[in-house]
Amino acid sequence: LPESVRANLPQHAQTIYREAFNAAWDEYADPQDRRGDVSREEVAHKVAWSAVKQKYEKRDGHWKKKS
């Protein structure tokens, strides 16, 4: 995981990020499955952050599980 993810996200959120990134990496291997000139890595990171934001939100500078 990138240092920014490891340093800021709780362990469970890191797991969500990793699993979503890996799934997106596999799903978007073909450039035709991506929009525009976006790289496979960029798409995977966007998907991973989206997955984290479904369960977590940043409050007071810290990522907290949504209630």
N, C-alpha and C. Protein backbone atom coordinates (compact mmCIF):
# COMPACT_ATOMS: atom_id res chain seq x y z
N LEU A 1 0.84 -1.19 0.00
CA LEU A 1 0.00 0.00 0.00
C LEU A 1 0.88 1.25 0.00
N PRO A 2 0.39 2.32 -0.61
CA PRO A 2 1.14 3.57 -0.57
C PRO A 2 1.29 4.07 0.87
N GLU A 3 2.37 4.76 1.13
CA GLU A 3 2.64 5.29 2.47
C GLU A 3 1.48 6.16 2.97
N SER A 4 0.89 6.96 2.11
CA SER A 4 -0.21 7.83 2.53
C SER A 4 -1.41 7.03 3.02
N VAL A 5 -1.62 5.87 2.44
CA VAL A 5 -2.73 5.00 2.87
C VAL A 5 -2.37 4.36 4.21
N ARG A 6 -1.17 3.80 4.30
CA ARG A 6 -0.75 3.13 5.54
C ARG A 6 -0.70 4.10 6.72
N ALA A 7 -0.30 5.33 6.46
CA ALA A 7 -0.14 6.30 7.55
C ALA A 7 -1.46 6.91 8.01
N ASN A 8 -2.48 6.88 7.18
CA ASN A 8 -3.71 7.61 7.50
C ASN A 8 -4.95 6.75 7.73
N LEU A 9 -5.03 5.60 7.11
CA LEU A 9 -6.25 4.80 7.23
C LEU A 9 -6.15 3.77 8.34
N PRO A 10 -7.25 3.54 9.07
CA PRO A 10 -7.28 2.46 10.05
C PRO A 10 -7.06 1.12 9.33
N GLN A 11 -6.69 0.10 10.08
CA GLN A 11 -6.37 -1.20 9.50
C GLN A 11 -7.50 -1.75 8.63
N HIS A 12 -8.74 -1.69 9.12
CA HIS A 12 -9.86 -2.23 8.35
C HIS A 12 -10.03 -1.47 7.03
N ALA A 13 -9.86 -0.17 7.06
CA ALA A 13 -9.96 0.64 5.84
C ALA A 13 -8.83 0.29 4.87
N GLN A 14 -7.66 -0.03 5.40
CA GLN A 14 -6.55 -0.46 4.55
C GLN A 14 -6.88 -1.77 3.84
N THR A 15 -7.55 -2.66 4.55
CA THR A 15 -7.96 -3.93 3.95
C THR A 15 -8.95 -3.68 2.82
N ILE A 16 -9.92 -2.81 3.06
CA ILE A 16 -10.89 -2.45 2.02
C ILE A 16 -10.17 -1.88 0.81
N TYR A 17 -9.24 -0.97 1.06
CA TYR A 17 -8.48 -0.33 -0.02
C TYR A 17 -7.73 -1.38 -0.84
N ARG A 18 -7.00 -2.26 -0.15
CA ARG A 18 -6.20 -3.28 -0.83
C ARG A 18 -7.07 -4.20 -1.68
N GLU A 19 -8.16 -4.68 -1.12
CA GLU A 19 -9.03 -5.61 -1.85
C GLU A 19 -9.67 -4.93 -3.06
N ALA A 20 -10.12 -3.69 -2.89
CA ALA A 20 -10.73 -2.97 -4.01
C ALA A 20 -9.70 -2.65 -5.09
N PHE A 21 -8.51 -2.25 -4.67
CA PHE A 21 -7.44 -1.95 -5.63
C PHE A 21 -7.12 -3.19 -6.46
N ASN A 22 -6.92 -4.32 -5.78
CA ASN A 22 -6.56 -5.55 -6.49
C ASN A 22 -7.66 -6.00 -7.44
N ALA A 23 -8.91 -5.87 -7.02
CA ALA A 23 -10.03 -6.26 -7.90
C ALA A 23 -10.10 -5.34 -9.12
N ALA A 24 -9.92 -4.05 -8.90
CA ALA A 24 -9.96 -3.09 -10.02
C ALA A 24 -8.76 -3.30 -10.94
N TRP A 25 -7.62 -3.62 -10.37
CA TRP A 25 -6.41 -3.88 -11.18
C TRP A 25 -6.69 -5.00 -12.18
N ASP A 26 -7.35 -6.04 -11.69
CA ASP A 26 -7.69 -7.17 -12.57
C ASP A 26 -8.78 -6.79 -13.57
N GLU A 27 -9.80 -6.09 -13.08
CA GLU A 27 -10.95 -5.75 -13.93
C GLU A 27 -10.60 -4.79 -15.06
N TYR A 28 -9.70 -3.86 -14.81
CA TYR A 28 -9.37 -2.84 -15.81
C TYR A 28 -8.03 -3.07 -16.49
N ALA A 29 -7.65 -4.33 -16.65
CA ALA A 29 -6.39 -4.66 -17.32
C ALA A 29 -6.40 -4.21 -18.77
N ASP A 30 -7.55 -4.34 -19.41
CA ASP A 30 -7.68 -3.95 -20.82
C ASP A 30 -7.92 -2.44 -20.92
N PRO A 31 -7.06 -1.72 -21.62
CA PRO A 31 -7.24 -0.26 -21.75
C PRO A 31 -8.60 0.14 -22.31
N GLN A 32 -9.24 -0.72 -23.08
CA GLN A 32 -10.56 -0.41 -23.64
C GLN A 32 -11.64 -0.36 -22.56
N ASP A 33 -11.35 -0.95 -21.39
CA ASP A 33 -12.31 -0.93 -20.29
C ASP A 33 -12.20 0.35 -19.46
N ARG A 34 -11.22 1.19 -19.77
CA ARG A 34 -11.00 2.43 -19.03
C ARG A 34 -11.43 3.62 -19.87
N ARG A 35 -11.78 4.71 -19.20
CA ARG A 35 -12.18 5.93 -19.90
C ARG A 35 -10.95 6.77 -20.22
N GLY A 36 -10.88 7.24 -21.43
CA GLY A 36 -9.81 8.14 -21.82
C GLY A 36 -8.44 7.52 -21.72
N ASP A 37 -7.47 8.33 -21.32
CA ASP A 37 -6.08 7.92 -21.24
C ASP A 37 -5.66 7.55 -19.82
N VAL A 38 -6.61 7.21 -18.98
CA VAL A 38 -6.31 6.94 -17.58
C VAL A 38 -5.56 5.61 -17.47
N SER A 39 -4.52 5.61 -16.65
CA SER A 39 -3.72 4.39 -16.48
C SER A 39 -4.46 3.37 -15.62
N ARG A 40 -4.05 2.14 -15.75
CA ARG A 40 -4.62 1.06 -14.95
C ARG A 40 -4.44 1.34 -13.46
N GLU A 41 -3.26 1.82 -13.09
CA GLU A 41 -2.99 2.11 -11.68
C GLU A 41 -3.88 3.24 -11.16
N GLU A 42 -4.05 4.29 -11.96
CA GLU A 42 -4.89 5.41 -11.54
C GLU A 42 -6.34 4.98 -11.32
N VAL A 43 -6.85 4.16 -12.23
CA VAL A 43 -8.21 3.65 -12.08
C VAL A 43 -8.33 2.82 -10.81
N ALA A 44 -7.36 1.95 -10.57
CA ALA A 44 -7.40 1.08 -9.39
C ALA A 44 -7.39 1.91 -8.10
N HIS A 45 -6.57 2.97 -8.05
CA HIS A 45 -6.55 3.84 -6.86
C HIS A 45 -7.89 4.55 -6.68
N LYS A 46 -8.48 5.04 -7.77
CA LYS A 46 -9.78 5.72 -7.67
C LYS A 46 -10.86 4.78 -7.14
N VAL A 47 -10.87 3.56 -7.65
CA VAL A 47 -11.84 2.56 -7.19
C VAL A 47 -11.62 2.25 -5.71
N ALA A 48 -10.36 2.11 -5.32
CA ALA A 48 -10.03 1.78 -3.93
C ALA A 48 -10.48 2.89 -2.98
N TRP A 49 -10.21 4.14 -3.34
CA TRP A 49 -10.64 5.25 -2.49
C TRP A 49 -12.17 5.31 -2.41
N SER A 50 -12.83 5.05 -3.51
CA SER A 50 -14.29 5.05 -3.51
C SER A 50 -14.83 3.99 -2.56
N ALA A 51 -14.21 2.82 -2.57
CA ALA A 51 -14.64 1.74 -1.67
C ALA A 51 -14.45 2.13 -0.21
N VAL A 52 -13.33 2.75 0.10
CA VAL A 52 -13.07 3.20 1.47
C VAL A 52 -14.11 4.23 1.89
N LYS A 53 -14.41 5.17 1.01
CA LYS A 53 -15.33 6.26 1.34
C LYS A 53 -16.78 5.79 1.51
N GLN A 54 -17.08 4.57 1.08
CA GLN A 54 -18.42 4.03 1.33
C GLN A 54 -18.59 3.67 2.80
N LYS A 55 -17.49 3.30 3.46
CA LYS A 55 -17.56 2.84 4.86
C LYS A 55 -16.93 3.81 5.85
N TYR A 56 -16.06 4.69 5.36
CA TYR A 56 -15.33 5.61 6.23
C TYR A 56 -15.49 7.04 5.75
N GLU A 57 -15.33 7.98 6.70
CA GLU A 57 -15.32 9.39 6.35
C GLU A 57 -14.23 10.07 7.17
N LYS A 58 -13.71 11.15 6.62
CA LYS A 58 -12.66 11.89 7.31
C LYS A 58 -13.31 12.96 8.18
N ARG A 59 -13.07 12.86 9.49
CA ARG A 59 -13.60 13.83 10.45
C ARG A 59 -12.45 14.33 11.31
N ASP A 60 -12.36 15.62 11.44
CA ASP A 60 -11.31 16.23 12.27
C ASP A 60 -9.92 15.72 11.89
N GLY A 61 -9.71 15.50 10.60
CA GLY A 61 -8.40 15.08 10.12
C GLY A 61 -8.10 13.60 10.25
N HIS A 62 -9.09 12.81 10.70
CA HIS A 62 -8.87 11.37 10.88
C HIS A 62 -9.98 10.58 10.20
N TRP A 63 -9.63 9.44 9.67
CA TRP A 63 -10.62 8.57 9.03
C TRP A 63 -11.35 7.77 10.10
N LYS A 64 -12.68 7.89 10.10
CA LYS A 64 -13.53 7.21 11.08
C LYS A 64 -14.59 6.41 10.34
N LYS A 65 -14.95 5.26 10.92
CA LYS A 65 -16.00 4.44 10.34
C LYS A 65 -17.31 5.20 10.41
N LYS A 66 -18.06 5.17 9.30
CA LYS A 66 -19.36 5.85 9.27
C LYS A 66 -20.31 5.15 10.24
N SER A 67 -21.15 5.97 10.88
CA SER A 67 -22.11 5.36 11.82
C SER A 67 -23.47 5.22 11.22
